[in-house]
């Protein structure tokens, strides 16, 4: 007679409890990782990076540095974060 493939109810219960604990830990960790993110500080950081890029001689071209080529952002599609227009 082949061995039974049916799981013990205790094993199933422990497995489900472990999955719930892991899921809760992932959700709590994800919330904590982004808790200190600030759109204003992110915009300030990106503005500073853009100024550095524009001042970098190797990025110079006759038409000015190409921002969209390096960021994948088309400024005509979406206004910058935290600004209108």
Foldseek 3Di string as FASTA:
>chain_A
DDDDPDDDPVVVVVVVVVVVVVVVVVVVVVCVVCVPDDLVVVLVVVVVVVVVLQPDPVQQDPVGGDPCVVPVDDCVVDPRPPDDD
